[in-house]
Each structure stands twice: as C-alpha cells, then as structure tokens.
N, C-alpha and C. Protein backbone atom coordinates (compact mmCIF):
# COMPACT_ATOMS: atom_id res chain seq x y z
N MET A 1 -82.66 -67.61 124.39
CA MET A 1 -83.51 -68.77 124.19
C MET A 1 -82.89 -69.64 123.10
N ASN A 2 -82.90 -70.94 123.32
CA ASN A 2 -82.30 -71.83 122.32
C ASN A 2 -83.32 -72.22 121.25
N ASN A 3 -82.83 -72.87 120.20
CA ASN A 3 -83.69 -73.22 119.07
C ASN A 3 -84.84 -74.14 119.47
N ASP A 4 -84.61 -75.08 120.38
CA ASP A 4 -85.68 -75.98 120.80
C ASP A 4 -86.85 -75.20 121.40
N GLU A 5 -86.52 -74.21 122.23
CA GLU A 5 -87.57 -73.40 122.87
C GLU A 5 -88.29 -72.54 121.83
N ILE A 6 -87.53 -72.01 120.88
CA ILE A 6 -88.13 -71.21 119.80
C ILE A 6 -89.10 -72.07 119.00
N PHE A 7 -88.65 -73.28 118.62
CA PHE A 7 -89.50 -74.15 117.80
C PHE A 7 -90.71 -74.64 118.57
N GLU A 8 -90.59 -74.78 119.88
CA GLU A 8 -91.74 -75.14 120.70
C GLU A 8 -92.80 -74.03 120.63
N LEU A 9 -92.34 -72.78 120.69
CA LEU A 9 -93.26 -71.64 120.58
C LEU A 9 -93.84 -71.52 119.17
N VAL A 10 -93.04 -71.83 118.15
CA VAL A 10 -93.54 -71.81 116.77
C VAL A 10 -94.69 -72.80 116.65
N GLY A 11 -94.51 -74.00 117.20
CA GLY A 11 -95.57 -75.01 117.18
C GLY A 11 -96.80 -74.54 117.94
N TYR A 12 -96.59 -73.90 119.08
CA TYR A 12 -97.70 -73.38 119.88
C TYR A 12 -98.50 -72.36 119.08
N ILE A 13 -97.82 -71.47 118.38
CA ILE A 13 -98.50 -70.45 117.59
C ILE A 13 -99.23 -71.07 116.41
N LEU A 14 -98.56 -71.96 115.69
CA LEU A 14 -99.16 -72.57 114.50
C LEU A 14 -100.34 -73.48 114.83
N ALA A 15 -100.42 -73.95 116.06
CA ALA A 15 -101.53 -74.82 116.46
C ALA A 15 -102.86 -74.07 116.53
N SER A 16 -102.80 -72.75 116.51
CA SER A 16 -104.02 -71.94 116.59
C SER A 16 -104.02 -70.88 115.50
N ASP A 17 -105.04 -70.93 114.67
CA ASP A 17 -105.19 -69.92 113.62
C ASP A 17 -105.29 -68.52 114.22
N TYR A 18 -106.01 -68.39 115.34
CA TYR A 18 -106.16 -67.09 115.99
C TYR A 18 -104.81 -66.55 116.45
N ARG A 19 -104.01 -67.39 117.12
CA ARG A 19 -102.70 -66.93 117.61
C ARG A 19 -101.83 -66.49 116.44
N THR A 20 -101.83 -67.30 115.38
CA THR A 20 -101.01 -66.99 114.20
C THR A 20 -101.43 -65.66 113.59
N ARG A 21 -102.72 -65.51 113.36
CA ARG A 21 -103.23 -64.29 112.71
C ARG A 21 -102.99 -63.05 113.56
N ILE A 22 -103.18 -63.17 114.87
CA ILE A 22 -103.03 -62.01 115.75
C ILE A 22 -101.56 -61.58 115.83
N LEU A 23 -100.65 -62.54 116.00
CA LEU A 23 -99.22 -62.19 116.05
C LEU A 23 -98.79 -61.53 114.75
N LYS A 24 -99.21 -62.10 113.62
CA LYS A 24 -98.86 -61.52 112.32
C LYS A 24 -99.47 -60.14 112.16
N ASN A 25 -100.70 -59.96 112.63
CA ASN A 25 -101.38 -58.67 112.50
C ASN A 25 -100.66 -57.58 113.28
N ILE A 26 -100.20 -57.91 114.46
CA ILE A 26 -99.48 -56.90 115.27
C ILE A 26 -98.14 -56.58 114.61
N GLY A 27 -97.43 -57.62 114.17
CA GLY A 27 -96.13 -57.40 113.52
C GLY A 27 -95.22 -56.53 114.36
N GLU A 28 -94.73 -55.47 113.78
CA GLU A 28 -93.84 -54.55 114.52
C GLU A 28 -94.59 -53.30 114.97
N ASP A 29 -95.92 -53.33 114.86
CA ASP A 29 -96.75 -52.20 115.25
C ASP A 29 -97.17 -52.29 116.71
N ILE A 30 -97.89 -51.28 117.13
CA ILE A 30 -98.55 -51.25 118.44
C ILE A 30 -100.04 -51.15 118.14
N LYS A 31 -100.83 -52.07 118.71
CA LYS A 31 -102.26 -52.10 118.38
C LYS A 31 -103.11 -52.31 119.62
N ILE A 32 -104.37 -51.88 119.50
CA ILE A 32 -105.36 -52.14 120.54
C ILE A 32 -106.22 -53.33 120.09
N PRO A 33 -106.78 -54.08 121.05
CA PRO A 33 -107.57 -55.26 120.68
C PRO A 33 -108.71 -54.98 119.70
N SER A 34 -109.38 -53.86 119.84
CA SER A 34 -110.51 -53.59 118.93
C SER A 34 -110.04 -53.40 117.49
N ALA A 35 -108.86 -52.82 117.30
CA ALA A 35 -108.32 -52.66 115.94
C ALA A 35 -107.97 -54.02 115.35
N ILE A 36 -107.35 -54.88 116.15
CA ILE A 36 -107.02 -56.23 115.70
C ILE A 36 -108.30 -56.96 115.33
N SER A 37 -109.30 -56.83 116.19
CA SER A 37 -110.60 -57.48 115.99
C SER A 37 -111.22 -57.05 114.66
N GLN A 38 -111.22 -55.77 114.38
CA GLN A 38 -111.80 -55.25 113.13
C GLN A 38 -111.01 -55.71 111.92
N GLU A 39 -109.69 -55.63 112.01
CA GLU A 39 -108.85 -55.97 110.86
C GLU A 39 -108.93 -57.46 110.50
N LEU A 40 -109.10 -58.30 111.52
CA LEU A 40 -109.12 -59.75 111.28
C LEU A 40 -110.53 -60.33 111.28
N ASP A 41 -111.53 -59.47 111.51
CA ASP A 41 -112.92 -59.91 111.56
C ASP A 41 -113.11 -61.01 112.61
N LEU A 42 -112.60 -60.73 113.82
CA LEU A 42 -112.74 -61.64 114.97
C LEU A 42 -113.46 -60.89 116.08
N ARG A 43 -114.08 -61.64 116.97
CA ARG A 43 -114.72 -61.01 118.13
C ARG A 43 -113.65 -60.46 119.08
N THR A 44 -113.93 -59.30 119.64
CA THR A 44 -112.97 -58.65 120.53
C THR A 44 -112.64 -59.52 121.73
N ASN A 45 -113.64 -60.24 122.27
CA ASN A 45 -113.35 -61.08 123.44
C ASN A 45 -112.39 -62.22 123.08
N HIS A 46 -112.49 -62.75 121.85
CA HIS A 46 -111.55 -63.79 121.41
C HIS A 46 -110.14 -63.20 121.30
N VAL A 47 -110.03 -62.03 120.73
CA VAL A 47 -108.74 -61.35 120.60
C VAL A 47 -108.14 -61.11 121.99
N SER A 48 -108.94 -60.63 122.92
CA SER A 48 -108.45 -60.35 124.27
C SER A 48 -107.96 -61.62 124.95
N ASN A 49 -108.70 -62.72 124.78
CA ASN A 49 -108.29 -63.99 125.39
C ASN A 49 -106.96 -64.49 124.80
N VAL A 50 -106.82 -64.38 123.49
CA VAL A 50 -105.58 -64.80 122.84
C VAL A 50 -104.43 -63.91 123.28
N LEU A 51 -104.66 -62.61 123.38
CA LEU A 51 -103.61 -61.69 123.83
C LEU A 51 -103.15 -62.04 125.24
N LYS A 52 -104.09 -62.44 126.10
CA LYS A 52 -103.72 -62.84 127.46
C LYS A 52 -102.82 -64.07 127.42
N ASP A 53 -103.17 -65.05 126.58
CA ASP A 53 -102.34 -66.26 126.45
C ASP A 53 -100.96 -65.92 125.90
N LEU A 54 -100.92 -65.06 124.89
CA LEU A 54 -99.64 -64.67 124.30
C LEU A 54 -98.80 -63.89 125.30
N LYS A 55 -99.45 -63.10 126.14
CA LYS A 55 -98.74 -62.35 127.17
C LYS A 55 -98.13 -63.31 128.20
N ASP A 56 -98.89 -64.34 128.56
CA ASP A 56 -98.38 -65.34 129.51
C ASP A 56 -97.15 -66.06 128.96
N LYS A 57 -97.09 -66.22 127.64
CA LYS A 57 -95.95 -66.89 126.99
C LYS A 57 -94.83 -65.90 126.66
N LYS A 58 -95.00 -64.64 127.08
CA LYS A 58 -94.01 -63.57 126.86
C LYS A 58 -93.81 -63.26 125.37
N LEU A 59 -94.90 -63.40 124.60
CA LEU A 59 -94.84 -63.10 123.17
C LEU A 59 -95.38 -61.71 122.85
N VAL A 60 -96.26 -61.20 123.69
CA VAL A 60 -96.72 -59.81 123.55
C VAL A 60 -96.59 -59.14 124.91
N VAL A 61 -96.56 -57.82 124.88
CA VAL A 61 -96.49 -57.04 126.11
C VAL A 61 -97.53 -55.93 126.01
N CYS A 62 -98.19 -55.67 127.13
CA CYS A 62 -99.14 -54.56 127.20
C CYS A 62 -98.38 -53.35 127.70
N LEU A 63 -98.45 -52.26 126.95
CA LEU A 63 -97.67 -51.06 127.26
C LEU A 63 -98.33 -50.16 128.30
N ASN A 64 -99.65 -50.29 128.45
CA ASN A 64 -100.37 -49.45 129.42
C ASN A 64 -101.33 -50.33 130.23
N GLU A 65 -100.76 -51.16 131.06
CA GLU A 65 -101.48 -52.19 131.80
C GLU A 65 -102.65 -51.64 132.62
N ARG A 66 -102.52 -50.44 133.14
CA ARG A 66 -103.57 -49.91 134.03
C ARG A 66 -104.82 -49.43 133.29
N ALA A 67 -104.70 -49.21 132.00
CA ALA A 67 -105.84 -48.71 131.23
C ALA A 67 -106.94 -49.78 131.17
N ARG A 68 -108.17 -49.33 131.33
CA ARG A 68 -109.29 -50.27 131.23
C ARG A 68 -109.72 -50.42 129.77
N LYS A 69 -109.58 -49.35 129.02
CA LYS A 69 -109.90 -49.37 127.59
C LYS A 69 -108.69 -48.84 126.84
N GLY A 70 -108.55 -49.29 125.60
CA GLY A 70 -107.46 -48.80 124.78
C GLY A 70 -106.09 -49.32 125.17
N ARG A 71 -106.04 -50.55 125.67
CA ARG A 71 -104.74 -51.12 126.00
C ARG A 71 -103.92 -51.32 124.74
N LEU A 72 -102.66 -50.96 124.83
CA LEU A 72 -101.75 -51.05 123.69
C LEU A 72 -100.88 -52.29 123.81
N TYR A 73 -100.87 -53.08 122.75
CA TYR A 73 -100.08 -54.32 122.73
C TYR A 73 -99.04 -54.26 121.62
N LYS A 74 -97.89 -54.84 121.91
CA LYS A 74 -96.87 -54.99 120.88
C LYS A 74 -96.19 -56.33 121.06
N ASN A 75 -95.65 -56.85 119.96
CA ASN A 75 -94.91 -58.11 120.00
C ASN A 75 -93.57 -57.89 120.68
N THR A 76 -93.13 -58.89 121.42
CA THR A 76 -91.81 -58.84 122.03
C THR A 76 -90.78 -59.26 120.99
N ASP A 77 -89.52 -59.09 121.32
CA ASP A 77 -88.45 -59.55 120.43
C ASP A 77 -88.56 -61.05 120.20
N LEU A 78 -88.97 -61.78 121.23
CA LEU A 78 -89.17 -63.22 121.12
C LEU A 78 -90.24 -63.54 120.06
N ALA A 79 -91.34 -62.80 120.09
CA ALA A 79 -92.41 -63.01 119.11
C ALA A 79 -91.93 -62.71 117.70
N LEU A 80 -91.14 -61.66 117.55
CA LEU A 80 -90.62 -61.32 116.23
C LEU A 80 -89.68 -62.41 115.73
N GLU A 81 -88.94 -63.03 116.64
CA GLU A 81 -88.07 -64.16 116.27
C GLU A 81 -88.92 -65.35 115.83
N VAL A 82 -89.98 -65.64 116.58
CA VAL A 82 -90.88 -66.75 116.26
C VAL A 82 -91.54 -66.51 114.90
N LEU A 83 -91.93 -65.28 114.62
CA LEU A 83 -92.59 -64.95 113.36
C LEU A 83 -91.71 -65.21 112.13
N LYS A 84 -90.41 -65.20 112.31
CA LYS A 84 -89.51 -65.49 111.20
C LYS A 84 -89.72 -66.89 110.66
N TYR A 85 -90.20 -67.79 111.52
CA TYR A 85 -90.38 -69.20 111.14
C TYR A 85 -91.81 -69.49 110.68
N ILE A 86 -92.67 -68.50 110.74
CA ILE A 86 -94.09 -68.73 110.39
C ILE A 86 -94.39 -68.12 109.03
C-alpha cells in the first residue's frame, strides 16, 4: 500500500473517535467486543458496528468468524501501520 492510501485510512480513523479508540485499544492484542466495550466504556453494539466497518476496510480481522459469542478480533498489519501515524 502506498503512502496516499495509508494517509487516506489515517484520515478515516481520525474522523471517528470510536474508530480511533477501538483501534488503539486492540493494539497488538486479541480482544473480544465486550472487553473493548468495558475498557472504553462504550456500548457493545457500537463496538460491534465499528469493528464491522474496520473489518470492511481490512484494518481488523476476526479470528473465529463462526462463533456467535466471544469473537476474537485483532488489528491487521495495515492497522498497525496506520496507528503509527495516530
């Protein structure tokens, strides 16, 4: 990915406090939405919606897609690159 695409994603993340906080919260860890929700004091449904958007942008990946509860999310290498600028 070139710098223009990276900076476009940086702008996309910074445009939303929720996206910024959730990406930073996950960092290099693996987390479930309820843990993110508790740590950031956000509603779980908001966290889930943001995670879906971040997944569509290839910034997070769900490690156990088939699970109905306890889905595990982690940042992609792209997200970790974007976080360097935030």
